Amino acid sequence: MKYKAVIFDLDGTLLDTIQDISDSVNAVLRENKYHEFSVDDYKYFVGRGVNELIASVIEKGEIDPLEYPNIKNGYMKEYKIRQRIKTRIYPGIFDLIVELQNLEISVNILSNKPDNQTQEVVEHYFKKIRFNNVYGKKPEFRIKPYPESVLHLINKLKVTKDEVLYVGDTNTDIQTARNAGLKSVGVLWGFRKREELELEGATFIVENPMDILKIILGE
């Protein structure tokens, strides 16, 4: 097999987290008597980390930028409470990961979600899975689409770039793969649409998790 490792994005790729994220931010907005946003709005606010999420909410809600720390801190507290309420593993993901590991493919997670949140939700939802590496946003790396964290992970895995497949659901993920010199898979069950993934130049676009296994097997 050509590929020896897969790096997965988390939110919108492995886990459907958007309802818990939107509920958490909206709880803070509601408490402060600001306009709340729809789940579909949040699908475009997320993807580049919590700072960009809050910045988007403030900009779109025409909120005083001085409120940024208050809203961010409130979100972090709310999400700590809500992160396990409505979040779900996407159908087919668990079976895909098991199949990849049976093939001795290294399975890894790289998220722009803060590292502590990433570790918590992965530990909760994937109790029976032992990933090779799980990285959230770490202070020593810039967030995706900057490639530093990906390159660090590839070096740690001791594989070549041609042996790694990067899987995600947004333009940020496809940019990340390109910036790191990797082939990319854009998934259609996540937060964004096919047009965005095509425009960004995803190497592959898949509708079903098991389609990723077919790419690995060269089918």
N, C-alpha and C. Protein backbone atom coordinates (compact mmCIF):
# COMPACT_ATOMS: atom_id res chain seq x y z
N MET A 1 0.84 -1.21 0.00
CA MET A 1 0.00 0.00 0.00
C MET A 1 0.87 1.25 0.00
N LYS A 2 0.44 2.23 -0.79
CA LYS A 2 1.22 3.47 -0.90
C LYS A 2 1.18 4.26 0.39
N TYR A 3 0.02 4.34 1.03
CA TYR A 3 -0.14 5.17 2.23
C TYR A 3 0.10 4.37 3.49
N LYS A 4 0.91 4.93 4.37
CA LYS A 4 1.21 4.29 5.64
C LYS A 4 0.58 5.03 6.83
N ALA A 5 0.10 6.24 6.59
CA ALA A 5 -0.47 7.04 7.68
C ALA A 5 -1.59 7.93 7.15
N VAL A 6 -2.57 8.15 8.01
CA VAL A 6 -3.66 9.09 7.71
C VAL A 6 -3.71 10.10 8.85
N ILE A 7 -3.83 11.37 8.49
CA ILE A 7 -4.04 12.44 9.46
C ILE A 7 -5.45 12.98 9.26
N PHE A 8 -6.26 12.87 10.29
CA PHE A 8 -7.65 13.32 10.22
C PHE A 8 -7.80 14.66 10.95
N ASP A 9 -8.56 15.56 10.34
CA ASP A 9 -9.14 16.67 11.08
C ASP A 9 -10.16 16.06 12.04
N LEU A 10 -10.60 16.83 13.03
CA LEU A 10 -11.53 16.30 14.02
C LEU A 10 -12.97 16.78 13.80
N ASP A 11 -13.21 18.08 14.04
CA ASP A 11 -14.57 18.63 13.94
C ASP A 11 -15.03 18.65 12.49
N GLY A 12 -16.16 18.02 12.22
CA GLY A 12 -16.68 18.00 10.87
C GLY A 12 -16.10 16.88 10.02
N THR A 13 -15.16 16.13 10.60
CA THR A 13 -14.54 15.02 9.87
C THR A 13 -14.76 13.70 10.60
N LEU A 14 -14.36 13.65 11.86
CA LEU A 14 -14.61 12.46 12.69
C LEU A 14 -15.82 12.65 13.58
N LEU A 15 -15.95 13.86 14.12
CA LEU A 15 -17.04 14.15 15.05
C LEU A 15 -17.91 15.29 14.55
N ASP A 16 -19.22 15.11 14.69
CA ASP A 16 -20.17 16.19 14.41
C ASP A 16 -20.34 16.99 15.70
N THR A 17 -19.57 18.05 15.83
CA THR A 17 -19.52 18.85 17.06
C THR A 17 -20.29 20.16 16.97
N ILE A 18 -20.87 20.44 15.81
CA ILE A 18 -21.32 21.80 15.54
C ILE A 18 -22.45 22.25 16.46
N GLN A 19 -23.34 21.33 16.85
CA GLN A 19 -24.46 21.72 17.70
C GLN A 19 -23.98 22.13 19.09
N ASP A 20 -23.02 21.39 19.65
CA ASP A 20 -22.49 21.75 20.97
C ASP A 20 -21.72 23.06 20.91
N ILE A 21 -21.00 23.29 19.82
CA ILE A 21 -20.27 24.55 19.66
C ILE A 21 -21.25 25.71 19.56
N SER A 22 -22.25 25.57 18.70
CA SER A 22 -23.20 26.67 18.51
C SER A 22 -24.01 26.93 19.78
N ASP A 23 -24.41 25.86 20.47
CA ASP A 23 -25.15 26.04 21.72
C ASP A 23 -24.29 26.78 22.76
N SER A 24 -23.01 26.49 22.79
CA SER A 24 -22.11 27.11 23.77
C SER A 24 -21.93 28.59 23.51
N VAL A 25 -21.67 28.94 22.25
CA VAL A 25 -21.50 30.37 21.93
C VAL A 25 -22.83 31.11 22.12
N ASN A 26 -23.92 30.52 21.64
CA ASN A 26 -25.22 31.19 21.76
C ASN A 26 -25.62 31.40 23.21
N ALA A 27 -25.23 30.50 24.09
CA ALA A 27 -25.54 30.68 25.51
C ALA A 27 -24.87 31.95 26.05
N VAL A 28 -23.64 32.20 25.61
CA VAL A 28 -22.93 33.41 26.04
C VAL A 28 -23.56 34.65 25.41
N LEU A 29 -23.89 34.56 24.13
CA LEU A 29 -24.52 35.70 23.45
C LEU A 29 -25.87 36.03 24.09
N ARG A 30 -26.62 35.00 24.39
CA ARG A 30 -27.94 35.20 25.01
C ARG A 30 -27.82 35.85 26.38
N GLU A 31 -26.85 35.40 27.14
CA GLU A 31 -26.63 35.96 28.48
C GLU A 31 -26.27 37.43 28.42
N ASN A 32 -25.56 37.81 27.34
CA ASN A 32 -25.15 39.21 27.19
C ASN A 32 -26.08 40.01 26.29
N LYS A 33 -27.23 39.38 25.94
CA LYS A 33 -28.26 40.05 25.14
C LYS A 33 -27.78 40.46 23.75
N TYR A 34 -26.99 39.57 23.13
CA TYR A 34 -26.55 39.78 21.76
C TYR A 34 -27.30 38.83 20.84
N HIS A 35 -27.24 39.15 19.55
CA HIS A 35 -27.88 38.32 18.52
C HIS A 35 -27.25 36.93 18.49
N GLU A 36 -28.10 35.90 18.44
CA GLU A 36 -27.61 34.53 18.32
C GLU A 36 -27.55 34.12 16.85
N PHE A 37 -26.77 33.06 16.56
CA PHE A 37 -26.59 32.60 15.18
C PHE A 37 -27.08 31.17 15.02
N SER A 38 -27.35 30.81 13.77
CA SER A 38 -27.85 29.47 13.45
C SER A 38 -26.69 28.47 13.39
N VAL A 39 -27.03 27.21 13.41
CA VAL A 39 -26.03 26.15 13.26
C VAL A 39 -25.30 26.29 11.93
N ASP A 40 -26.05 26.61 10.87
CA ASP A 40 -25.41 26.78 9.56
C ASP A 40 -24.41 27.93 9.56
N ASP A 41 -24.70 28.99 10.31
CA ASP A 41 -23.73 30.09 10.45
C ASP A 41 -22.44 29.57 11.07
N TYR A 42 -22.58 28.79 12.12
CA TYR A 42 -21.40 28.31 12.84
C TYR A 42 -20.55 27.35 12.00
N LYS A 43 -21.16 26.70 11.04
CA LYS A 43 -20.39 25.82 10.16
C LYS A 43 -19.32 26.59 9.40
N TYR A 44 -19.56 27.89 9.22
CA TYR A 44 -18.58 28.73 8.51
C TYR A 44 -17.73 29.56 9.47
N PHE A 45 -18.14 29.65 10.71
CA PHE A 45 -17.34 30.37 11.70
C PHE A 45 -16.19 29.49 12.21
N VAL A 46 -16.41 28.17 12.23
CA VAL A 46 -15.40 27.26 12.77
C VAL A 46 -14.39 26.87 11.69
N GLY A 47 -13.29 26.25 12.14
CA GLY A 47 -12.32 25.72 11.19
C GLY A 47 -10.91 26.25 11.39
N ARG A 48 -10.82 27.46 11.97
CA ARG A 48 -9.49 28.04 12.16
C ARG A 48 -9.23 28.36 13.63
N GLY A 49 -9.81 27.56 14.49
CA GLY A 49 -9.52 27.72 15.90
C GLY A 49 -10.51 28.62 16.62
N VAL A 50 -10.43 28.56 17.95
CA VAL A 50 -11.39 29.27 18.79
C VAL A 50 -11.28 30.79 18.65
N ASN A 51 -10.07 31.30 18.46
CA ASN A 51 -9.91 32.75 18.33
C ASN A 51 -10.66 33.28 17.11
N GLU A 52 -10.53 32.56 16.00
CA GLU A 52 -11.24 32.98 14.78
C GLU A 52 -12.74 32.78 14.92
N LEU A 53 -13.15 31.75 15.63
CA LEU A 53 -14.57 31.53 15.89
C LEU A 53 -15.17 32.74 16.59
N ILE A 54 -14.55 33.15 17.67
CA ILE A 54 -15.07 34.28 18.44
C ILE A 54 -14.97 35.58 17.65
N ALA A 55 -13.89 35.74 16.90
CA ALA A 55 -13.72 36.95 16.08
C ALA A 55 -14.84 37.04 15.04
N SER A 56 -15.20 35.90 14.44
CA SER A 56 -16.28 35.90 13.44
C SER A 56 -17.61 36.26 14.07
N VAL A 57 -17.88 35.73 15.25
CA VAL A 57 -19.12 36.03 15.96
C VAL A 57 -19.21 37.52 16.27
N ILE A 58 -18.11 38.10 16.72
CA ILE A 58 -18.09 39.52 17.06
C ILE A 58 -18.30 40.38 15.83
N GLU A 59 -17.62 40.00 14.73
CA GLU A 59 -17.75 40.78 13.50
C GLU A 59 -19.17 40.68 12.93
N LYS A 60 -19.68 39.47 12.80
CA LYS A 60 -21.00 39.28 12.20
C LYS A 60 -22.12 39.82 13.09
N GLY A 61 -21.88 39.78 14.40
CA GLY A 61 -22.89 40.26 15.32
C GLY A 61 -22.78 41.73 15.63
N GLU A 62 -21.79 42.39 14.99
CA GLU A 62 -21.54 43.81 15.21
C GLU A 62 -21.42 44.13 16.71
N ILE A 63 -20.61 43.32 17.37
CA ILE A 63 -20.37 43.45 18.80
C ILE A 63 -19.10 44.25 19.02
N ASP A 64 -19.06 45.03 20.05
CA ASP A 64 -17.87 45.80 20.41
C ASP A 64 -16.69 44.85 20.57
N PRO A 65 -15.59 45.05 19.81
CA PRO A 65 -14.42 44.17 19.92
C PRO A 65 -13.86 44.06 21.33
N LEU A 66 -14.12 45.06 22.16
CA LEU A 66 -13.64 44.99 23.54
C LEU A 66 -14.32 43.86 24.32
N GLU A 67 -15.42 43.34 23.78
CA GLU A 67 -16.13 42.24 24.42
C GLU A 67 -15.50 40.88 24.11
N TYR A 68 -14.48 40.88 23.26
CA TYR A 68 -13.84 39.62 22.84
C TYR A 68 -13.44 38.73 24.01
N PRO A 69 -12.66 39.23 25.00
CA PRO A 69 -12.26 38.34 26.11
C PRO A 69 -13.44 37.77 26.89
N ASN A 70 -14.45 38.60 27.09
CA ASN A 70 -15.62 38.15 27.82
C ASN A 70 -16.34 37.02 27.10
N ILE A 71 -16.51 37.18 25.79
CA ILE A 71 -17.22 36.16 25.02
C ILE A 71 -16.38 34.89 24.88
N LYS A 72 -15.09 35.04 24.64
CA LYS A 72 -14.22 33.87 24.53
C LYS A 72 -14.18 33.08 25.83
N ASN A 73 -13.97 33.77 26.93
CA ASN A 73 -13.92 33.08 28.22
C ASN A 73 -15.24 32.39 28.55
N GLY A 74 -16.34 33.09 28.22
CA GLY A 74 -17.65 32.49 28.43
C GLY A 74 -17.84 31.24 27.59
N TYR A 75 -17.40 31.30 26.33
CA TYR A 75 -17.51 30.14 25.45
C TYR A 75 -16.71 28.96 26.00
N MET A 76 -15.49 29.22 26.42
CA MET A 76 -14.64 28.13 26.93
C MET A 76 -15.30 27.44 28.12
N LYS A 77 -15.94 28.21 28.98
CA LYS A 77 -16.63 27.64 30.15
C LYS A 77 -17.86 26.84 29.72
N GLU A 78 -18.64 27.42 28.79
CA GLU A 78 -19.85 26.75 28.33
C GLU A 78 -19.51 25.46 27.57
N TYR A 79 -18.49 25.51 26.72
CA TYR A 79 -18.16 24.32 25.93
C TYR A 79 -17.63 23.20 26.81
N LYS A 80 -16.95 23.54 27.87
CA LYS A 80 -16.49 22.53 28.83
C LYS A 80 -17.68 21.74 29.36
N ILE A 81 -18.79 22.41 29.55
CA ILE A 81 -20.01 21.77 30.07
C ILE A 81 -20.76 21.02 28.96
N ARG A 82 -20.80 21.60 27.77
CA ARG A 82 -21.69 21.11 26.71
C ARG A 82 -21.03 20.19 25.69
N GLN A 83 -19.72 20.00 25.73
CA GLN A 83 -19.02 19.33 24.63
C GLN A 83 -19.38 17.86 24.44
N ARG A 84 -20.12 17.28 25.40
CA ARG A 84 -20.50 15.87 25.28
C ARG A 84 -22.01 15.67 25.21
N ILE A 85 -22.75 16.72 24.94
CA ILE A 85 -24.21 16.61 24.96
C ILE A 85 -24.77 16.15 23.61
N LYS A 86 -24.45 16.87 22.55
CA LYS A 86 -25.03 16.57 21.24
C LYS A 86 -24.00 16.10 20.22
N THR A 87 -22.74 16.16 20.56
CA THR A 87 -21.68 15.70 19.66
C THR A 87 -21.83 14.20 19.40
N ARG A 88 -21.59 13.79 18.15
CA ARG A 88 -21.69 12.39 17.77
C ARG A 88 -20.57 12.02 16.78
N ILE A 89 -20.17 10.75 16.82
CA ILE A 89 -19.27 10.23 15.78
C ILE A 89 -20.07 10.10 14.49
N TYR A 90 -19.52 10.54 13.38
CA TYR A 90 -20.21 10.38 12.10
C TYR A 90 -20.37 8.90 11.76
N PRO A 91 -21.49 8.53 11.17
CA PRO A 91 -21.71 7.12 10.79
C PRO A 91 -20.59 6.61 9.89
N GLY A 92 -20.08 5.43 10.22
CA GLY A 92 -19.04 4.80 9.41
C GLY A 92 -17.63 5.13 9.83
N ILE A 93 -17.43 6.14 10.64
CA ILE A 93 -16.08 6.56 11.02
C ILE A 93 -15.40 5.51 11.91
N PHE A 94 -16.12 5.02 12.89
CA PHE A 94 -15.51 4.03 13.79
C PHE A 94 -15.05 2.80 13.01
N ASP A 95 -15.90 2.30 12.13
CA ASP A 95 -15.54 1.12 11.33
C ASP A 95 -14.35 1.41 10.43
N LEU A 96 -14.30 2.62 9.86
CA LEU A 96 -13.17 2.99 9.02
C LEU A 96 -11.86 2.94 9.80
N ILE A 97 -11.86 3.54 10.98
CA ILE A 97 -10.64 3.58 11.78
C ILE A 97 -10.18 2.17 12.16
N VAL A 98 -11.12 1.31 12.53
CA VAL A 98 -10.78 -0.07 12.86
C VAL A 98 -10.16 -0.77 11.66
N GLU A 99 -10.73 -0.57 10.48
CA GLU A 99 -10.19 -1.20 9.27
C GLU A 99 -8.79 -0.69 8.96
N LEU A 100 -8.57 0.61 9.11
CA LEU A 100 -7.24 1.17 8.85
C LEU A 100 -6.22 0.58 9.82
N GLN A 101 -6.59 0.48 11.08
CA GLN A 101 -5.66 -0.06 12.06
C GLN A 101 -5.42 -1.55 11.84
N ASN A 102 -6.42 -2.27 11.35
CA ASN A 102 -6.21 -3.68 11.01
C ASN A 102 -5.20 -3.83 9.88
N LEU A 103 -5.13 -2.81 9.02
CA LEU A 103 -4.16 -2.80 7.92
C LEU A 103 -2.81 -2.21 8.35
N GLU A 104 -2.70 -1.91 9.64
CA GLU A 104 -1.48 -1.32 10.22
C GLU A 104 -1.17 0.05 9.62
N ILE A 105 -2.23 0.77 9.30
CA ILE A 105 -2.10 2.16 8.87
C ILE A 105 -2.09 3.03 10.13
N SER A 106 -1.14 3.94 10.23
CA SER A 106 -1.08 4.85 11.38
C SER A 106 -2.23 5.86 11.28
N VAL A 107 -3.02 5.96 12.35
CA VAL A 107 -4.19 6.84 12.36
C VAL A 107 -3.97 7.96 13.38
N ASN A 108 -4.06 9.20 12.89
CA ASN A 108 -3.71 10.37 13.69
C ASN A 108 -4.77 11.45 13.57
N ILE A 109 -4.84 12.31 14.58
CA ILE A 109 -5.78 13.44 14.58
C ILE A 109 -5.01 14.73 14.74
N LEU A 110 -5.37 15.73 13.93
CA LEU A 110 -4.79 17.07 14.05
C LEU A 110 -5.91 18.09 13.94
N SER A 111 -6.15 18.81 15.03
CA SER A 111 -7.28 19.74 15.10
C SER A 111 -6.80 21.15 15.46
N ASN A 112 -7.58 22.14 15.03
CA ASN A 112 -7.36 23.52 15.49
C ASN A 112 -8.07 23.80 16.80
N LYS A 113 -8.86 22.84 17.27
CA LYS A 113 -9.50 22.97 18.58
C LYS A 113 -8.40 23.00 19.65
N PRO A 114 -8.54 23.78 20.72
CA PRO A 114 -7.53 23.77 21.77
C PRO A 114 -7.16 22.36 22.20
N ASP A 115 -5.90 22.12 22.49
CA ASP A 115 -5.43 20.76 22.72
C ASP A 115 -6.17 20.08 23.87
N ASN A 116 -6.45 20.81 24.94
CA ASN A 116 -7.14 20.17 26.06
C ASN A 116 -8.55 19.72 25.67
N GLN A 117 -9.26 20.55 24.88
CA GLN A 117 -10.59 20.16 24.41
C GLN A 117 -10.49 18.96 23.46
N THR A 118 -9.49 18.97 22.60
CA THR A 118 -9.30 17.87 21.66
C THR A 118 -9.09 16.56 22.40
N GLN A 119 -8.20 16.58 23.38
CA GLN A 119 -7.92 15.36 24.13
C GLN A 119 -9.17 14.86 24.85
N GLU A 120 -9.93 15.78 25.42
CA GLU A 120 -11.12 15.39 26.18
C GLU A 120 -12.19 14.74 25.31
N VAL A 121 -12.50 15.35 24.16
CA VAL A 121 -13.56 14.78 23.33
C VAL A 121 -13.12 13.48 22.67
N VAL A 122 -11.85 13.39 22.28
CA VAL A 122 -11.36 12.15 21.67
C VAL A 122 -11.39 11.02 22.69
N GLU A 123 -10.94 11.30 23.90
CA GLU A 123 -10.96 10.29 24.95
C GLU A 123 -12.39 9.83 25.24
N HIS A 124 -13.33 10.75 25.20
CA HIS A 124 -14.72 10.41 25.52
C HIS A 124 -15.38 9.61 24.41
N TYR A 125 -15.21 10.03 23.17
CA TYR A 125 -15.96 9.43 22.07
C TYR A 125 -15.26 8.24 21.42
N PHE A 126 -13.96 8.12 21.63
CA PHE A 126 -13.21 7.02 21.00
C PHE A 126 -12.49 6.18 22.06
N LYS A 127 -13.23 5.78 23.06
CA LYS A 127 -12.65 5.03 24.17
C LYS A 127 -11.96 3.74 23.72
N LYS A 128 -12.49 3.10 22.69
CA LYS A 128 -11.96 1.81 22.25
C LYS A 128 -10.88 1.94 21.18
N ILE A 129 -10.54 3.17 20.83
CA ILE A 129 -9.54 3.41 19.78
C ILE A 129 -8.28 3.99 20.39
N ARG A 130 -7.14 3.45 20.01
CA ARG A 130 -5.86 4.02 20.41
C ARG A 130 -5.22 4.67 19.17
N PHE A 131 -5.33 5.99 19.07
CA PHE A 131 -4.73 6.70 17.95
C PHE A 131 -3.21 6.77 18.14
N ASN A 132 -2.50 6.86 17.02
CA ASN A 132 -1.05 7.00 17.13
C ASN A 132 -0.67 8.35 17.71
N ASN A 133 -1.36 9.40 17.28
CA ASN A 133 -1.12 10.74 17.80
C ASN A 133 -2.41 11.54 17.75
N VAL A 134 -2.65 12.34 18.78
CA VAL A 134 -3.79 13.25 18.82
C VAL A 134 -3.26 14.63 19.17
N TYR A 135 -3.32 15.55 18.22
CA TYR A 135 -2.84 16.92 18.42
C TYR A 135 -4.00 17.90 18.30
N GLY A 136 -4.20 18.70 19.31
CA GLY A 136 -5.03 19.89 19.18
C GLY A 136 -4.11 21.08 18.94
N LYS A 137 -4.65 22.27 19.13
CA LYS A 137 -3.84 23.48 18.97
C LYS A 137 -2.85 23.56 20.13
N LYS A 138 -1.55 23.46 19.76
CA LYS A 138 -0.47 23.54 20.74
C LYS A 138 0.23 24.89 20.61
N PRO A 139 0.71 25.45 21.70
CA PRO A 139 1.31 26.79 21.64
C PRO A 139 2.56 26.88 20.76
N GLU A 140 3.24 25.76 20.56
CA GLU A 140 4.47 25.81 19.78
C GLU A 140 4.24 25.81 18.27
N PHE A 141 3.00 25.60 17.84
CA PHE A 141 2.69 25.58 16.41
C PHE A 141 1.60 26.60 16.08
N ARG A 142 1.72 27.23 14.91
CA ARG A 142 0.63 28.05 14.41
C ARG A 142 -0.50 27.13 13.95
N ILE A 143 -1.73 27.68 13.95
CA ILE A 143 -2.87 26.85 13.58
C ILE A 143 -2.85 26.53 12.09
N LYS A 144 -3.56 25.45 11.74
CA LYS A 144 -3.78 25.17 10.32
C LYS A 144 -4.49 26.36 9.69
N PRO A 145 -4.16 26.73 8.45
CA PRO A 145 -3.46 25.95 7.43
C PRO A 145 -1.94 26.05 7.45
N TYR A 146 -1.34 26.73 8.43
CA TYR A 146 0.12 26.67 8.52
C TYR A 146 0.53 25.22 8.73
N PRO A 147 1.61 24.77 8.08
CA PRO A 147 1.91 23.33 8.05
C PRO A 147 2.82 22.82 9.16
N GLU A 148 3.24 23.67 10.08
CA GLU A 148 4.27 23.25 11.04
C GLU A 148 3.86 22.01 11.84
N SER A 149 2.62 21.99 12.32
CA SER A 149 2.19 20.85 13.14
C SER A 149 2.13 19.58 12.31
N VAL A 150 1.71 19.68 11.05
CA VAL A 150 1.67 18.52 10.17
C VAL A 150 3.07 17.99 9.91
N LEU A 151 3.97 18.88 9.61
CA LEU A 151 5.35 18.48 9.32
C LEU A 151 6.01 17.85 10.54
N HIS A 152 5.72 18.39 11.71
CA HIS A 152 6.23 17.80 12.95
C HIS A 152 5.68 16.38 13.12
N LEU A 153 4.42 16.20 12.83
CA LEU A 153 3.79 14.90 12.97
C LEU A 153 4.37 13.90 11.98
N ILE A 154 4.57 14.32 10.74
CA ILE A 154 5.15 13.44 9.72
C ILE A 154 6.55 12.99 10.15
N ASN A 155 7.34 13.92 10.66
CA ASN A 155 8.68 13.60 11.12
C ASN A 155 8.63 12.59 12.28
N LYS A 156 7.68 12.78 13.17
CA LYS A 156 7.52 11.88 14.31
C LYS A 156 7.13 10.47 13.86
N LEU A 157 6.32 10.39 12.81
CA LEU A 157 5.87 9.11 12.29
C LEU A 157 6.95 8.40 11.47
N LYS A 158 7.98 9.15 11.09
CA LYS A 158 9.07 8.59 10.29
C LYS A 158 8.55 8.00 8.97
N VAL A 159 7.71 8.78 8.29
CA VAL A 159 7.20 8.42 6.98
C VAL A 159 7.50 9.57 6.03
N THR A 160 7.37 9.30 4.73
CA THR A 160 7.54 10.36 3.75
C THR A 160 6.20 11.04 3.48
N LYS A 161 6.25 12.20 2.88
CA LYS A 161 5.01 12.92 2.56
C LYS A 161 4.12 12.14 1.61
N ASP A 162 4.72 11.38 0.70
CA ASP A 162 3.94 10.59 -0.25
C ASP A 162 3.20 9.45 0.42
N GLU A 163 3.59 9.13 1.64
CA GLU A 163 2.97 8.01 2.36
C GLU A 163 1.87 8.46 3.32
N VAL A 164 1.55 9.76 3.29
CA VAL A 164 0.57 10.31 4.23
C VAL A 164 -0.63 10.88 3.47
N LEU A 165 -1.82 10.59 3.95
CA LEU A 165 -3.05 11.13 3.40
C LEU A 165 -3.67 12.03 4.46
N TYR A 166 -4.05 13.24 4.05
CA TYR A 166 -4.67 14.19 4.99
C TYR A 166 -6.16 14.30 4.68
N VAL A 167 -7.00 14.16 5.71
CA VAL A 167 -8.45 14.11 5.53
C VAL A 167 -9.14 15.21 6.33
N GLY A 168 -9.98 16.01 5.66
CA GLY A 168 -10.70 17.07 6.36
C GLY A 168 -11.93 17.51 5.60
N ASP A 169 -12.66 18.47 6.17
CA ASP A 169 -13.95 18.85 5.59
C ASP A 169 -14.04 20.29 5.13
N THR A 170 -12.97 21.09 5.30
CA THR A 170 -13.05 22.51 4.94
C THR A 170 -11.89 22.93 4.04
N ASN A 171 -12.00 24.14 3.50
CA ASN A 171 -10.89 24.68 2.70
C ASN A 171 -9.62 24.81 3.52
N THR A 172 -9.75 25.06 4.82
CA THR A 172 -8.58 25.13 5.69
C THR A 172 -7.81 23.81 5.67
N ASP A 173 -8.53 22.70 5.69
CA ASP A 173 -7.88 21.40 5.68
C ASP A 173 -7.17 21.14 4.36
N ILE A 174 -7.81 21.50 3.27
CA ILE A 174 -7.19 21.28 1.96
C ILE A 174 -5.96 22.17 1.81
N GLN A 175 -6.05 23.40 2.29
CA GLN A 175 -4.88 24.29 2.28
C GLN A 175 -3.75 23.72 3.14
N THR A 176 -4.11 23.18 4.29
CA THR A 176 -3.11 22.59 5.18
C THR A 176 -2.35 21.47 4.49
N ALA A 177 -3.09 20.59 3.84
CA ALA A 177 -2.45 19.48 3.13
C ALA A 177 -1.53 20.01 2.03
N ARG A 178 -2.01 20.96 1.27
CA ARG A 178 -1.20 21.51 0.19
C ARG A 178 0.06 22.19 0.73
N ASN A 179 -0.09 22.95 1.80
CA ASN A 179 1.06 23.65 2.37
C ASN A 179 2.10 22.68 2.92
N ALA A 180 1.65 21.50 3.31
CA ALA A 180 2.57 20.48 3.84
C ALA A 180 3.06 19.52 2.76
N GLY A 181 2.53 19.66 1.55
CA GLY A 181 2.95 18.79 0.45
C GLY A 181 2.31 17.42 0.47
N LEU A 182 1.06 17.33 0.97
CA LEU A 182 0.37 16.06 1.09
C LEU A 182 -0.82 15.96 0.14
N LYS A 183 -1.19 14.74 -0.21
CA LYS A 183 -2.45 14.49 -0.90
C LYS A 183 -3.59 14.72 0.10
N SER A 184 -4.71 15.24 -0.38
CA SER A 184 -5.81 15.58 0.52
C SER A 184 -7.10 14.87 0.12
N VAL A 185 -7.91 14.60 1.15
CA VAL A 185 -9.25 14.04 0.95
C VAL A 185 -10.24 15.00 1.56
N GLY A 186 -11.16 15.51 0.77
CA GLY A 186 -12.23 16.35 1.28
C GLY A 186 -13.47 15.50 1.50
N VAL A 187 -14.08 15.60 2.68
CA VAL A 187 -15.25 14.77 3.00
C VAL A 187 -16.53 15.61 2.91
N LEU A 188 -17.59 14.96 2.43
CA LEU A 188 -18.84 15.68 2.18
C LEU A 188 -19.86 15.55 3.30
N TRP A 189 -19.53 14.82 4.36
CA TRP A 189 -20.48 14.70 5.48
C TRP A 189 -20.23 15.75 6.55
N GLY A 190 -19.27 16.65 6.34
CA GLY A 190 -18.90 17.63 7.36
C GLY A 190 -19.63 18.95 7.25
N PHE A 191 -18.89 20.03 7.50
CA PHE A 191 -19.51 21.35 7.66
C PHE A 191 -19.59 22.16 6.36
N ARG A 192 -18.88 21.76 5.33
CA ARG A 192 -18.84 22.55 4.10
C ARG A 192 -19.32 21.75 2.90
N LYS A 193 -19.39 22.44 1.75
CA LYS A 193 -19.97 21.84 0.55
C LYS A 193 -18.88 21.43 -0.45
N ARG A 194 -19.30 20.60 -1.41
CA ARG A 194 -18.39 20.09 -2.43
C ARG A 194 -17.68 21.23 -3.18
N GLU A 195 -18.44 22.28 -3.51
CA GLU A 195 -17.87 23.37 -4.30
C GLU A 195 -16.63 23.97 -3.64
N GLU A 196 -16.68 24.13 -2.32
CA GLU A 196 -15.55 24.68 -1.59
C GLU A 196 -14.32 23.77 -1.69
N LEU A 197 -14.55 22.48 -1.54
CA LEU A 197 -13.45 21.52 -1.58
C LEU A 197 -12.86 21.42 -2.99
N GLU A 198 -13.73 21.46 -3.99
CA GLU A 198 -13.25 21.43 -5.37
C GLU A 198 -12.46 22.68 -5.70
N LEU A 199 -12.98 23.83 -5.30
CA LEU A 199 -12.31 25.10 -5.58
C LEU A 199 -10.93 25.14 -4.93
N GLU A 200 -10.82 24.55 -3.76
CA GLU A 200 -9.55 24.57 -3.04
C GLU A 200 -8.56 23.54 -3.59
N GLY A 201 -9.06 22.61 -4.40
CA GLY A 201 -8.17 21.66 -5.07
C GLY A 201 -7.92 20.38 -4.32
N ALA A 202 -8.94 19.86 -3.63
CA ALA A 202 -8.78 18.58 -2.94
C ALA A 202 -8.39 17.49 -3.93
N THR A 203 -7.44 16.65 -3.54
CA THR A 203 -7.00 15.56 -4.41
C THR A 203 -8.12 14.56 -4.64
N PHE A 204 -8.83 14.24 -3.57
CA PHE A 204 -9.99 13.33 -3.63
C PHE A 204 -11.15 13.97 -2.88
N ILE A 205 -12.36 13.66 -3.28
CA ILE A 205 -13.55 14.07 -2.53
C ILE A 205 -14.41 12.82 -2.35
N VAL A 206 -14.84 12.57 -1.11
CA VAL A 206 -15.56 11.34 -0.81
C VAL A 206 -16.88 11.63 -0.13
N GLU A 207 -17.84 10.73 -0.37
CA GLU A 207 -19.18 10.87 0.22
C GLU A 207 -19.39 9.93 1.40
N ASN A 208 -18.54 8.92 1.52
CA ASN A 208 -18.70 7.89 2.54
C ASN A 208 -17.35 7.58 3.16
N PRO A 209 -17.28 7.39 4.48
CA PRO A 209 -15.98 7.10 5.11
C PRO A 209 -15.24 5.93 4.49
N MET A 210 -15.94 4.88 4.08
CA MET A 210 -15.25 3.73 3.51
C MET A 210 -14.62 4.02 2.16
N ASP A 211 -15.03 5.14 1.53
CA ASP A 211 -14.35 5.56 0.30
C ASP A 211 -12.88 5.87 0.57
N ILE A 212 -12.58 6.30 1.79
CA ILE A 212 -11.18 6.58 2.16
C ILE A 212 -10.39 5.29 2.17
N LEU A 213 -10.98 4.20 2.64
CA LEU A 213 -10.31 2.90 2.62
C LEU A 213 -10.00 2.48 1.19
N LYS A 214 -10.92 2.75 0.27
CA LYS A 214 -10.69 2.41 -1.14
C LYS A 214 -9.50 3.18 -1.69
N ILE A 215 -9.35 4.44 -1.29
CA ILE A 215 -8.19 5.23 -1.74
C ILE A 215 -6.92 4.61 -1.20
N ILE A 216 -6.92 4.23 0.07
CA ILE A 216 -5.75 3.60 0.69
C ILE A 216 -5.38 2.32 -0.05
N LEU A 217 -6.40 1.55 -0.42
CA LEU A 217 -6.15 0.26 -1.08
C LEU A 217 -5.91 0.41 -2.58
N GLY A 218 -6.05 1.64 -3.09
CA GLY A 218 -5.80 1.88 -4.50
C GLY A 218 -6.89 1.41 -5.41
N GLU A 219 -8.11 1.31 -4.87
CA GLU A 219 -9.24 0.84 -5.69
C GLU A 219 -9.88 1.99 -6.48
